[in-house]
Amino acid sequence: MHSTSSLTIEWVKPDISAEQWEFFQHPDKQAFYLRHNIRWEQILSGFDAGKLVAYPRSDRINGIPVALSYSSYDDYSRYLAKAKRGYRRNYSLMEEALQLLGTLTLPAPIILQCGGEALLFSGYRRLCLAWNYGMAPCVWLLPVTERVESCE
């Protein structure tokens, strides 16, 4: 899928194996996984059930709130101000490449959806790059079913 402005980004299905840190280490996301009893194996086994969908700048996708999307420009500015130098540098490198080449092919950010809630699982810099250039990026929207533990 393509998002366009005067520059373009082509969004492709991401490689979930490259995103393990987001599940196992990212402190702000652990509550979502625990609340919905989501396991890494569920994400892996169901990953192909996801699909590329447009995600215009918003805190919701298909009417469902997306935690950690920081969709307003003010939220983005505050987040970036607190980010480590390496985080900002990686964004700058993507931005420079987009301006120089005019087009990029990037893995789509991943959003997990469980019931009436969603979580920006990965790809915030890529999402912001598109939003900041007036594009409607595509994300890999992955439905995840809440696991119910058996008492047996």
Protein backbone atom coordinates (compact mmCIF):
# COMPACT_ATOMS: atom_id res chain seq x y z
CA MET A 1 0.00 0.00 0.00
CA HIS A 2 1.15 3.54 -0.70
CA SER A 3 0.78 6.73 1.31
CA THR A 4 1.44 9.85 -0.69
CA SER A 5 2.24 13.53 -0.34
CA SER A 6 4.85 15.21 -2.53
CA LEU A 7 7.06 12.43 -1.14
CA THR A 8 6.00 8.80 -0.89
CA ILE A 9 6.34 5.89 1.46
CA GLU A 10 5.48 2.37 0.43
CA TRP A 11 4.39 0.30 3.41
CA VAL A 12 5.14 -3.41 3.51
CA LYS A 13 4.30 -6.21 5.91
CA PRO A 14 6.75 -5.97 8.85
CA ASP A 15 8.99 -8.76 10.11
CA ILE A 16 7.60 -9.69 13.53
CA SER A 17 10.82 -11.45 14.56
CA ALA A 18 12.57 -8.05 14.51
CA GLU A 19 10.09 -6.71 17.08
CA GLN A 20 10.63 -9.04 20.07
CA TRP A 21 12.03 -6.25 22.22
CA GLU A 22 8.69 -4.45 22.03
CA PHE A 23 7.00 -7.42 23.65
CA PHE A 24 9.54 -8.57 26.18
CA GLN A 25 11.30 -5.36 27.21
CA HIS A 26 9.21 -2.24 26.54
CA PRO A 27 8.00 -1.19 30.02
CA ASP A 28 5.02 0.92 28.90
CA LYS A 29 3.43 -1.96 26.99
CA GLN A 30 3.50 -4.69 29.62
CA ALA A 31 0.21 -3.65 31.26
CA PHE A 32 -1.65 -4.10 27.95
CA TYR A 33 -0.22 -7.60 27.49
CA LEU A 34 -1.04 -8.56 31.07
CA ARG A 35 -4.54 -7.06 31.00
CA HIS A 36 -5.40 -9.09 27.89
CA ASN A 37 -3.29 -12.12 28.80
CA ILE A 38 -1.40 -11.88 25.50
CA ARG A 39 1.55 -14.17 24.92
CA TRP A 40 4.35 -13.76 22.36
CA GLU A 41 3.40 -17.09 20.79
CA GLN A 42 -0.09 -15.72 20.05
CA ILE A 43 1.36 -12.78 18.20
CA LEU A 44 3.70 -15.01 16.21
CA SER A 45 1.09 -17.61 15.28
CA GLY A 46 -1.55 -15.05 14.34
CA PHE A 47 0.68 -12.54 12.60
CA ASP A 48 -0.40 -13.45 9.08
CA ALA A 49 -4.01 -12.66 10.03
CA GLY A 50 -3.09 -8.98 10.18
CA LYS A 51 -3.61 -6.61 7.30
CA LEU A 52 -2.34 -3.28 6.04
CA VAL A 53 -4.82 -0.52 6.81
CA ALA A 54 -4.61 3.26 6.52
CA TYR A 55 -4.10 5.11 9.81
CA PRO A 56 -4.57 8.86 9.39
CA ARG A 57 -3.24 10.93 12.32
CA SER A 58 -5.57 10.04 15.18
CA ASP A 59 -5.65 8.40 18.57
CA ARG A 60 -8.16 5.86 17.16
CA ILE A 61 -8.23 3.26 14.45
CA ASN A 62 -11.63 2.10 13.21
CA GLY A 63 -13.11 3.96 16.20
CA ILE A 64 -10.97 2.05 18.71
CA PRO A 65 -8.55 3.97 20.98
CA VAL A 66 -4.87 3.26 20.29
CA ALA A 67 -2.68 3.41 23.40
CA LEU A 68 0.80 4.94 22.98
CA SER A 69 0.05 6.42 19.56
CA TYR A 70 0.84 10.00 20.71
CA SER A 71 -1.05 11.22 17.67
CA SER A 72 -1.09 14.99 18.24
CA TYR A 73 1.89 17.05 17.20
CA ASP A 74 2.24 18.34 20.78
CA ASP A 75 2.36 14.77 22.10
CA TYR A 76 4.98 13.93 19.47
CA SER A 77 7.10 16.98 20.40
CA ARG A 78 7.02 16.10 24.11
CA TYR A 79 7.86 12.46 23.38
CA LEU A 80 10.75 13.39 21.10
CA ALA A 81 12.11 15.90 23.63
CA LYS A 82 12.34 13.10 26.22
CA ALA A 83 13.72 10.53 23.78
CA LYS A 84 17.32 9.43 23.82
CA ARG A 85 19.70 10.90 21.27
CA GLY A 86 19.92 7.65 19.29
CA TYR A 87 16.15 7.56 18.95
CA ARG A 88 16.06 11.07 17.51
CA ARG A 89 19.04 10.31 15.26
CA ASN A 90 17.32 7.30 13.69
CA TYR A 91 14.29 9.45 12.91
CA SER A 92 16.54 12.10 11.36
CA LEU A 93 18.23 9.50 9.15
CA MET A 94 14.86 8.28 7.86
CA GLU A 95 13.75 11.86 7.25
CA GLU A 96 16.95 12.71 5.36
CA ALA A 97 16.59 9.59 3.20
CA LEU A 98 12.98 10.45 2.39
CA GLN A 99 13.92 14.00 1.38
CA LEU A 100 16.91 12.86 -0.66
CA LEU A 101 15.30 9.91 -2.44
CA GLY A 102 11.73 11.17 -2.56
CA THR A 103 10.43 7.71 -1.71
CA LEU A 104 11.05 5.03 0.91
CA THR A 105 9.87 1.47 1.44
CA LEU A 106 9.34 0.86 5.14
CA PRO A 107 7.91 -1.91 7.29
CA ALA A 108 4.48 -0.84 8.49
CA PRO A 109 4.08 0.03 12.16
CA ILE A 110 2.20 -2.68 14.07
CA ILE A 111 -1.00 -2.11 16.04
CA LEU A 112 -2.39 -4.91 18.20
CA GLN A 113 -6.16 -4.87 18.63
CA CYS A 114 -7.81 -6.81 21.42
CA GLY A 115 -11.53 -6.23 21.83
CA GLY A 116 -12.28 -2.53 22.20
CA GLU A 117 -8.65 -1.55 22.81
CA ALA A 118 -5.56 -1.28 20.65
CA LEU A 119 -1.85 -0.69 21.26
CA LEU A 120 0.80 0.79 19.01
CA PHE A 121 3.11 -2.20 19.29
CA SER A 122 5.97 -0.89 17.17
CA GLY A 123 6.94 1.68 14.56
CA TYR A 124 6.30 5.03 16.23
CA ARG A 125 9.15 6.79 14.38
CA ARG A 126 7.91 5.52 11.01
CA LEU A 127 4.37 6.54 11.90
CA CYS A 128 5.49 10.04 12.87
CA LEU A 129 7.60 10.43 9.75
CA ALA A 130 4.52 9.89 7.61
CA TRP A 131 2.24 12.01 9.80
CA ASN A 132 4.75 14.87 9.90
CA TYR A 133 4.82 14.92 6.09
CA GLY A 134 1.05 14.97 5.81
CA MET A 135 0.72 11.34 4.79
CA ALA A 136 -1.78 8.77 5.96
CA PRO A 137 0.51 5.85 6.78
CA CYS A 138 -0.49 2.23 6.68
CA VAL A 139 -0.12 0.02 9.73
CA TRP A 140 -0.20 -3.73 10.17
CA LEU A 141 -3.41 -4.14 12.18
CA LEU A 142 -3.26 -7.43 14.05
CA PRO A 143 -6.33 -8.74 15.88
CA VAL A 144 -5.34 -10.61 19.03
CA THR A 145 -7.80 -12.69 21.02
CA GLU A 146 -7.61 -12.40 24.79
CA ARG A 147 -6.47 -15.69 26.26
CA VAL A 148 -8.64 -17.26 28.93
CA GLU A 149 -6.72 -19.35 31.42
CA SER A 150 -8.19 -22.70 32.35
CA CYS A 151 -8.60 -23.45 36.06
CA GLU A 152 -8.26 -27.17 35.48
